[in-house]
Amino acid sequence: QVVQSPHNKALVFHDAVLTYQELNQAANQWACYLHQEGLKPGEIIAICRDKSPLYFVLILAVLKAGGIYLPIDPCYPAERILAVLIDAKPTFLLVQDYLDQGVTDSLEDQNLVNIRVFNPDKLQSQIKALQTDNLALKIKPNDPAYMIYTSGSTGQPKGVLLGHQGFCNMVQTQIPIFQVSSKSRILQHASLSFDASMHESFIALLSGACLYLGTK
């Protein structure tokens, strides 16, 4: 879609608009940064942030870098967030200003010092100096793409891994069922910690449609 229609709108949130080219280039810069920081394919990167265009740039960056995307809702109780981090043991945790120090302190209290915490908002000027080209990585169909934690209604929440091939097949099946085209506008309204958020997002992005981010 980036090659076919680089200047078409890809993402809209309030007054912020990203074209397919802008979205791809920003994701490539973040993917480059993650590699520079030592990310290895197959490692988990947790994102605990509010919904924003940057959030979706980061999702794409994790996938492009061969990492496993793990969403954590910042509105969850601190105990739930810590439980997920203890279980998943991500390599990186991407947070934002109002979570930065509190999360770092909690990780130190739990002796989770191996999780590296980054605040992407504080790195924007550094990121803009990095390459905008796609990384030369070969991601295999069976490689894991993202991890979703269950609601925990029957006990402790459990992390479920989803592979690139299965996820891609699901999205490619949904696109014709929902009759999504490059002229469509898709509302992303599901919680980012739910599997449905990935389907909503990628049926838009893989068909050249415009993804509108709901505010809640």
C-alpha atoms as a PDB file:
ATOM      1  CA  GLN A   1       0.000   0.000   0.000  1.00  0.00           C
ATOM      2  CA  VAL A   2       2.915   2.335   0.661  1.00  0.00           C
ATOM      3  CA  VAL A   3       4.189   1.767  -2.877  1.00  0.00           C
ATOM      4  CA  GLN A   4       0.759   1.911  -4.526  1.00  0.00           C
ATOM      5  CA  SER A   5      -0.604   5.011  -2.796  1.00  0.00           C
ATOM      6  CA  PRO A   6       2.057   6.689  -0.634  1.00  0.00           C
ATOM      7  CA  HIS A   7       0.179   9.977  -0.259  1.00  0.00           C
ATOM      8  CA  ASN A   8      -3.204   8.525   0.699  1.00  0.00           C
ATOM      9  CA  LYS A   9      -4.343   8.983   4.271  1.00  0.00           C
ATOM     10  CA  ALA A  10      -3.466   5.978   6.409  1.00  0.00           C
ATOM     11  CA  LEU A  11      -4.210   7.171   9.938  1.00  0.00           C
ATOM     12  CA  VAL A  12      -6.369   9.946  11.427  1.00  0.00           C
ATOM     13  CA  PHE A  13      -6.602  10.950  15.096  1.00  0.00           C
ATOM     14  CA  HIS A  14      -8.259  14.302  15.878  1.00  0.00           C
ATOM     15  CA  ASP A  15      -6.284  16.798  13.755  1.00  0.00           C
ATOM     16  CA  ALA A  16      -3.294  14.497  13.235  1.00  0.00           C
ATOM     17  CA  VAL A  17      -3.048  12.787   9.844  1.00  0.00           C
ATOM     18  CA  LEU A  18      -0.391  10.363   8.599  1.00  0.00           C
ATOM     19  CA  THR A  19      -0.110   9.234   4.990  1.00  0.00           C
ATOM     20  CA  TYR A  20       0.982   5.707   4.136  1.00  0.00           C
ATOM     21  CA  GLN A  21       4.464   6.979   3.294  1.00  0.00           C
ATOM     22  CA  GLU A  22       4.753   8.972   6.516  1.00  0.00           C
ATOM     23  CA  LEU A  23       3.505   6.062   8.606  1.00  0.00           C
ATOM     24  CA  ASN A  24       5.941   3.651   6.967  1.00  0.00           C
ATOM     25  CA  GLN A  25       8.939   5.949   7.254  1.00  0.00           C
ATOM     26  CA  ALA A  26       8.270   6.686  10.928  1.00  0.00           C
ATOM     27  CA  ALA A  27       7.872   2.971  11.662  1.00  0.00           C
ATOM     28  CA  ASN A  28      11.146   2.238   9.856  1.00  0.00           C
ATOM     29  CA  GLN A  29      12.969   4.810  11.968  1.00  0.00           C
ATOM     30  CA  TRP A  30      11.679   3.268  15.172  1.00  0.00           C
ATOM     31  CA  ALA A  31      12.489  -0.243  13.929  1.00  0.00           C
ATOM     32  CA  CYS A  32      16.025   0.959  13.232  1.00  0.00           C
ATOM     33  CA  TYR A  33      16.258   2.401  16.745  1.00  0.00           C
ATOM     34  CA  LEU A  34      15.090  -0.847  18.344  1.00  0.00           C
ATOM     35  CA  HIS A  35      17.762  -2.748  16.426  1.00  0.00           C
ATOM     36  CA  GLN A  36      20.415  -0.268  17.485  1.00  0.00           C
ATOM     37  CA  GLU A  37      19.347  -0.818  21.085  1.00  0.00           C
ATOM     38  CA  GLY A  38      19.961  -4.544  20.710  1.00  0.00           C
ATOM     39  CA  LEU A  39      16.533  -5.990  19.957  1.00  0.00           C
ATOM     40  CA  LYS A  40      16.787  -9.547  18.677  1.00  0.00           C
ATOM     41  CA  PRO A  41      14.072 -11.213  16.555  1.00  0.00           C
ATOM     42  CA  GLY A  42      11.572 -13.047  18.719  1.00  0.00           C
ATOM     43  CA  GLU A  43      11.983 -10.795  21.758  1.00  0.00           C
ATOM     44  CA  ILE A  44       8.902  -9.229  23.332  1.00  0.00           C
ATOM     45  CA  ILE A  45       8.299  -5.484  23.359  1.00  0.00           C
ATOM     46  CA  ALA A  46       5.502  -4.298  25.644  1.00  0.00           C
ATOM     47  CA  ILE A  47       3.711  -1.024  24.868  1.00  0.00           C
ATOM     48  CA  CYS A  48       1.872   0.620  27.759  1.00  0.00           C
ATOM     49  CA  ARG A  49       0.590   3.899  26.350  1.00  0.00           C
ATOM     50  CA  ASP A  50      -2.609   5.723  25.479  1.00  0.00           C
ATOM     51  CA  LYS A  51      -3.954   5.452  21.932  1.00  0.00           C
ATOM     52  CA  SER A  52      -2.280   7.844  19.491  1.00  0.00           C
ATOM     53  CA  PRO A  53      -0.719   7.872  16.013  1.00  0.00           C
ATOM     54  CA  LEU A  54       2.666   7.188  17.615  1.00  0.00           C
ATOM     55  CA  TYR A  55       1.252   4.042  19.206  1.00  0.00           C
ATOM     56  CA  PHE A  56       0.484   2.598  15.776  1.00  0.00           C
ATOM     57  CA  VAL A  57       3.882   3.658  14.470  1.00  0.00           C
ATOM     58  CA  LEU A  58       5.385   1.654  17.336  1.00  0.00           C
ATOM     59  CA  ILE A  59       3.263  -1.436  16.576  1.00  0.00           C
ATOM     60  CA  LEU A  60       4.516  -1.447  13.000  1.00  0.00           C
ATOM     61  CA  ALA A  61       8.081  -0.805  14.163  1.00  0.00           C
ATOM     62  CA  VAL A  62       8.006  -3.830  16.473  1.00  0.00           C
ATOM     63  CA  LEU A  63       6.678  -6.070  13.685  1.00  0.00           C
ATOM     64  CA  LYS A  64       9.196  -4.696  11.173  1.00  0.00           C
ATOM     65  CA  ALA A  65      12.043  -5.310  13.628  1.00  0.00           C
ATOM     66  CA  GLY A  66      11.022  -8.938  14.136  1.00  0.00           C
ATOM     67  CA  GLY A  67       9.871  -8.372  17.700  1.00  0.00           C
ATOM     68  CA  ILE A  68       6.702  -9.582  19.413  1.00  0.00           C
ATOM     69  CA  TYR A  69       4.220  -6.804  20.192  1.00  0.00           C
ATOM     70  CA  LEU A  70       2.589  -6.991  23.625  1.00  0.00           C
ATOM     71  CA  PRO A  71      -0.115  -4.393  24.428  1.00  0.00           C
ATOM     72  CA  ILE A  72      -0.696  -3.429  28.061  1.00  0.00           C
ATOM     73  CA  ASP A  73      -3.582  -1.106  28.864  1.00  0.00           C
ATOM     74  CA  PRO A  74      -2.269   1.771  31.042  1.00  0.00           C
ATOM     75  CA  CYS A  75      -5.727   1.931  32.679  1.00  0.00           C
ATOM     76  CA  TYR A  76      -5.269  -1.550  34.145  1.00  0.00           C
ATOM     77  CA  PRO A  77      -4.606  -1.765  37.894  1.00  0.00           C
ATOM     78  CA  ALA A  78      -0.905  -1.673  38.748  1.00  0.00           C
ATOM     79  CA  GLU A  79      -1.117  -5.261  39.999  1.00  0.00           C
ATOM     80  CA  ARG A  80      -2.362  -6.488  36.623  1.00  0.00           C
ATOM     81  CA  ILE A  81       0.335  -4.593  34.731  1.00  0.00           C
ATOM     82  CA  LEU A  82       3.047  -6.012  36.961  1.00  0.00           C
ATOM     83  CA  ALA A  83       1.622  -9.527  36.687  1.00  0.00           C
ATOM     84  CA  VAL A  84       1.796  -9.356  32.891  1.00  0.00           C
ATOM     85  CA  LEU A  85       5.345  -7.978  32.944  1.00  0.00           C
ATOM     86  CA  ILE A  86       6.502 -10.653  35.391  1.00  0.00           C
ATOM     87  CA  ASP A  87       4.969 -13.391  33.239  1.00  0.00           C
ATOM     88  CA  ALA A  88       5.971 -12.103  29.792  1.00  0.00           C
ATOM     89  CA  LYS A  89       9.418 -10.752  30.706  1.00  0.00           C
ATOM     90  CA  PRO A  90       9.618  -8.329  27.762  1.00  0.00           C
ATOM     91  CA  THR A  91      12.969  -6.991  26.635  1.00  0.00           C
ATOM     92  CA  PHE A  92      11.651  -3.447  26.258  1.00  0.00           C
ATOM     93  CA  LEU A  93       8.723  -1.569  27.792  1.00  0.00           C
ATOM     94  CA  LEU A  94       7.552   1.564  25.947  1.00  0.00           C
ATOM     95  CA  VAL A  95       5.647   3.976  28.196  1.00  0.00           C
ATOM     96  CA  GLN A  96       4.741   7.664  28.287  1.00  0.00           C
ATOM     97  CA  ASP A  97       5.295  10.617  30.596  1.00  0.00           C
ATOM     98  CA  TYR A  98       2.726  10.000  33.299  1.00  0.00           C
ATOM     99  CA  LEU A  99       3.753   6.331  33.604  1.00  0.00           C
ATOM    100  CA  ASP A 100       7.503   6.678  33.205  1.00  0.00           C
ATOM    101  CA  GLN A 101       8.840   7.009  36.753  1.00  0.00           C
ATOM    102  CA  GLY A 102       6.095   4.999  38.450  1.00  0.00           C
ATOM    103  CA  VAL A 103       6.603   1.982  36.210  1.00  0.00           C
ATOM    104  CA  THR A 104      10.389   2.162  36.594  1.00  0.00           C
ATOM    105  CA  ASP A 105      10.096   2.234  40.384  1.00  0.00           C
ATOM    106  CA  SER A 106       7.666  -0.713  40.373  1.00  0.00           C
ATOM    107  CA  LEU A 107      10.000  -2.795  38.198  1.00  0.00           C
ATOM    108  CA  GLU A 108      12.893  -2.096  40.552  1.00  0.00           C
ATOM    109  CA  ASP A 109      10.744  -3.103  43.529  1.00  0.00           C
ATOM    110  CA  GLN A 110       9.972  -6.406  41.795  1.00  0.00           C
ATOM    111  CA  ASN A 111      13.625  -6.887  40.780  1.00  0.00           C
ATOM    112  CA  LEU A 112      12.675  -6.727  37.084  1.00  0.00           C
ATOM    113  CA  VAL A 113      15.732  -4.666  36.251  1.00  0.00           C
ATOM    114  CA  ASN A 114      16.341  -6.527  32.962  1.00  0.00           C
ATOM    115  CA  ILE A 115      13.296  -4.861  31.388  1.00  0.00           C
ATOM    116  CA  ARG A 116      14.490  -1.716  29.658  1.00  0.00           C
ATOM    117  CA  VAL A 117      11.993   1.147  29.932  1.00  0.00           C
ATOM    118  CA  PHE A 118      11.815   3.784  27.191  1.00  0.00           C
ATOM    119  CA  ASN A 119       9.616   6.848  26.849  1.00  0.00           C
ATOM    120  CA  PRO A 120       9.251   7.343  23.060  1.00  0.00           C
ATOM    121  CA  ASP A 121       8.064  10.935  23.529  1.00  0.00           C
ATOM    122  CA  LYS A 122      11.532  11.862  24.822  1.00  0.00           C
ATOM    123  CA  LEU A 123      13.309  10.249  21.872  1.00  0.00           C
ATOM    124  CA  GLN A 124      11.541  11.894  18.940  1.00  0.00           C
ATOM    125  CA  SER A 125      14.396  14.202  17.918  1.00  0.00           C
ATOM    126  CA  GLN A 126      16.855  11.300  18.025  1.00  0.00           C
ATOM    127  CA  ILE A 127      14.533   9.055  15.990  1.00  0.00           C
ATOM    128  CA  LYS A 128      14.093  11.610  13.204  1.00  0.00           C
ATOM    129  CA  ALA A 129      17.804  11.326  12.350  1.00  0.00           C
ATOM    130  CA  LEU A 130      17.548   7.592  11.569  1.00  0.00           C
ATOM    131  CA  GLN A 131      17.005   5.861   8.225  1.00  0.00           C
ATOM    132  CA  THR A 132      13.523   5.779   6.711  1.00  0.00           C
ATOM    133  CA  ASP A 133      14.118   2.737   4.481  1.00  0.00           C
ATOM    134  CA  ASN A 134      12.622  -0.674   5.210  1.00  0.00           C
ATOM    135  CA  LEU A 135      14.882  -2.942   7.246  1.00  0.00           C
ATOM    136  CA  ALA A 136      16.392  -5.869   5.341  1.00  0.00           C
ATOM    137  CA  LEU A 137      14.923  -8.532   7.617  1.00  0.00           C
ATOM    138  CA  LYS A 138      13.440 -11.868   6.638  1.00  0.00           C
ATOM    139  CA  ILE A 139      10.516 -12.644   8.926  1.00  0.00           C
ATOM    140  CA  LYS A 140       9.238 -16.195   8.603  1.00  0.00           C
ATOM    141  CA  PRO A 141       5.515 -17.055   8.409  1.00  0.00           C
ATOM    142  CA  ASN A 142       5.616 -19.044  11.647  1.00  0.00           C
ATOM    143  CA  ASP A 143       7.417 -16.328  13.611  1.00  0.00           C
ATOM    144  CA  PRO A 144       5.269 -14.859  16.406  1.00  0.00           C
ATOM    145  CA  ALA A 145       3.881 -11.392  15.692  1.00  0.00           C
ATOM    146  CA  TYR A 146       2.097 -10.380  18.876  1.00  0.00           C
ATOM    147  CA  MET A 147       0.945 -11.586  22.280  1.00  0.00           C
ATOM    148  CA  ILE A 148      -2.468 -10.979  23.836  1.00  0.00           C
ATOM    149  CA  TYR A 149      -3.318 -11.694  27.466  1.00  0.00           C
ATOM    150  CA  THR A 150      -6.693 -13.221  28.231  1.00  0.00           C
ATOM    151  CA  SER A 151      -9.173 -11.464  30.501  1.00  0.00           C
ATOM    152  CA  GLY A 152      -8.371 -13.847  33.342  1.00  0.00           C
ATOM    153  CA  SER A 153     -12.047 -14.523  34.053  1.00  0.00           C
ATOM    154  CA  THR A 154     -11.299 -18.188  34.840  1.00  0.00           C
ATOM    155  CA  GLY A 155      -8.137 -17.525  36.834  1.00  0.00           C
ATOM    156  CA  GLN A 156      -4.770 -15.994  36.068  1.00  0.00           C
ATOM    157  CA  PRO A 157      -4.517 -14.200  32.701  1.00  0.00           C
ATOM    158  CA  LYS A 158      -2.548 -16.170  30.125  1.00  0.00           C
ATOM    159  CA  GLY A 159      -0.471 -14.836  27.254  1.00  0.00           C
ATOM    160  CA  VAL A 160      -1.368 -16.180  23.812  1.00  0.00           C
ATOM    161  CA  LEU A 161       1.086 -15.863  20.906  1.00  0.00           C
ATOM    162  CA  LEU A 162      -0.195 -15.142  17.386  1.00  0.00           C
ATOM    163  CA  GLY A 163       1.998 -15.843  14.360  1.00  0.00           C
ATOM    164  CA  HIS A 164       2.474 -13.704  11.264  1.00  0.00           C
ATOM    165  CA  GLN A 165       0.958 -16.287   8.913  1.00  0.00           C
ATOM    166  CA  GLY A 166      -2.190 -16.929  10.939  1.00  0.00           C
ATOM    167  CA  PHE A 167      -2.749 -13.232  11.544  1.00  0.00           C
ATOM    168  CA  CYS A 168      -2.193 -12.351   7.887  1.00  0.00           C
ATOM    169  CA  ASN A 169      -4.576 -15.103   6.770  1.00  0.00           C
ATOM    170  CA  MET A 170      -7.260 -13.867   9.172  1.00  0.00           C
ATOM    171  CA  VAL A 171      -6.998 -10.266   7.947  1.00  0.00           C
ATOM    172  CA  GLN A 172      -6.957 -11.252   4.278  1.00  0.00           C
ATOM    173  CA  THR A 173     -10.114 -13.289   4.896  1.00  0.00           C
ATOM    174  CA  GLN A 174     -11.861 -10.423   6.683  1.00  0.00           C
ATOM    175  CA  ILE A 175     -11.129  -7.773   4.034  1.00  0.00           C
ATOM    176  CA  PRO A 176     -13.521  -9.190   1.367  1.00  0.00           C
ATOM    177  CA  ILE A 177     -16.083 -10.255   3.984  1.00  0.00           C
ATOM    178  CA  PHE A 178     -16.373  -6.671   5.241  1.00  0.00           C
ATOM    179  CA  GLN A 179     -15.931  -5.302   1.693  1.00  0.00           C
ATOM    180  CA  VAL A 180     -13.021  -3.086   2.679  1.00  0.00           C
ATOM    181  CA  SER A 181     -11.330  -1.128  -0.125  1.00  0.00           C
ATOM    182  CA  SER A 182      -8.940   1.785  -0.481  1.00  0.00           C
ATOM    183  CA  LYS A 183     -11.969   4.100  -0.311  1.00  0.00           C
ATOM    184  CA  SER A 184     -13.111   2.752   3.067  1.00  0.00           C
ATOM    185  CA  ARG A 185     -12.837   4.453   6.419  1.00  0.00           C
ATOM    186  CA  ILE A 186     -12.350   2.071   9.332  1.00  0.00           C
ATOM    187  CA  LEU A 187     -12.997   3.042  12.941  1.00  0.00           C
ATOM    188  CA  GLN A 188     -10.543   1.538  15.409  1.00  0.00           C
ATOM    189  CA  HIS A 189     -12.549   1.446  18.624  1.00  0.00           C
ATOM    190  CA  ALA A 190     -11.636  -1.807  20.415  1.00  0.00           C
ATOM    191  CA  SER A 191      -9.282  -1.672  23.396  1.00  0.00           C
ATOM    192  CA  LEU A 192      -5.690  -2.007  22.220  1.00  0.00           C
ATOM    193  CA  SER A 193      -5.241  -4.885  24.660  1.00  0.00           C
ATOM    194  CA  PHE A 194      -7.897  -6.919  22.781  1.00  0.00           C
ATOM    195  CA  ASP A 195      -7.216  -9.054  19.729  1.00  0.00           C
ATOM    196  CA  ALA A 196      -9.972  -7.222  17.815  1.00  0.00           C
ATOM    197  CA  SER A 197      -7.884  -4.042  17.751  1.00  0.00           C
ATOM    198  CA  MET A 198      -5.311  -5.733  15.521  1.00  0.00           C
ATOM    199  CA  HIS A 199      -7.975  -6.954  13.103  1.00  0.00           C
ATOM    200  CA  GLU A 200      -9.599  -3.509  12.912  1.00  0.00           C
ATOM    201  CA  SER A 201      -6.257  -1.852  12.278  1.00  0.00           C
ATOM    202  CA  PHE A 202      -4.838  -4.176   9.669  1.00  0.00           C
ATOM    203  CA  ILE A 203      -7.940  -4.723   7.562  1.00  0.00           C
ATOM    204  CA  ALA A 204      -7.592  -0.986   6.967  1.00  0.00           C
ATOM    205  CA  LEU A 205      -3.829  -0.777   6.480  1.00  0.00           C
ATOM    206  CA  LEU A 206      -3.549  -3.865   4.264  1.00  0.00           C
ATOM    207  CA  SER A 207      -6.322  -2.666   1.945  1.00  0.00           C
ATOM    208  CA  GLY A 208      -5.217   0.959   1.569  1.00  0.00           C
ATOM    209  CA  ALA A 209      -8.147   2.274   3.601  1.00  0.00           C
ATOM    210  CA  CYS A 210      -7.986   5.087   6.164  1.00  0.00           C
ATOM    211  CA  LEU A 211      -7.908   4.074   9.839  1.00  0.00           C
ATOM    212  CA  TYR A 212      -9.669   6.471  12.198  1.00  0.00           C
ATOM    213  CA  LEU A 213      -8.657   6.115  15.845  1.00  0.00           C
ATOM    214  CA  GLY A 214     -11.509   6.320  18.339  1.00  0.00           C
ATOM    215  CA  THR A 215     -10.842   8.466  21.375  1.00  0.00           C
ATOM    216  CA  LYS A 216     -11.821   5.768  23.903  1.00  0.00           C
END
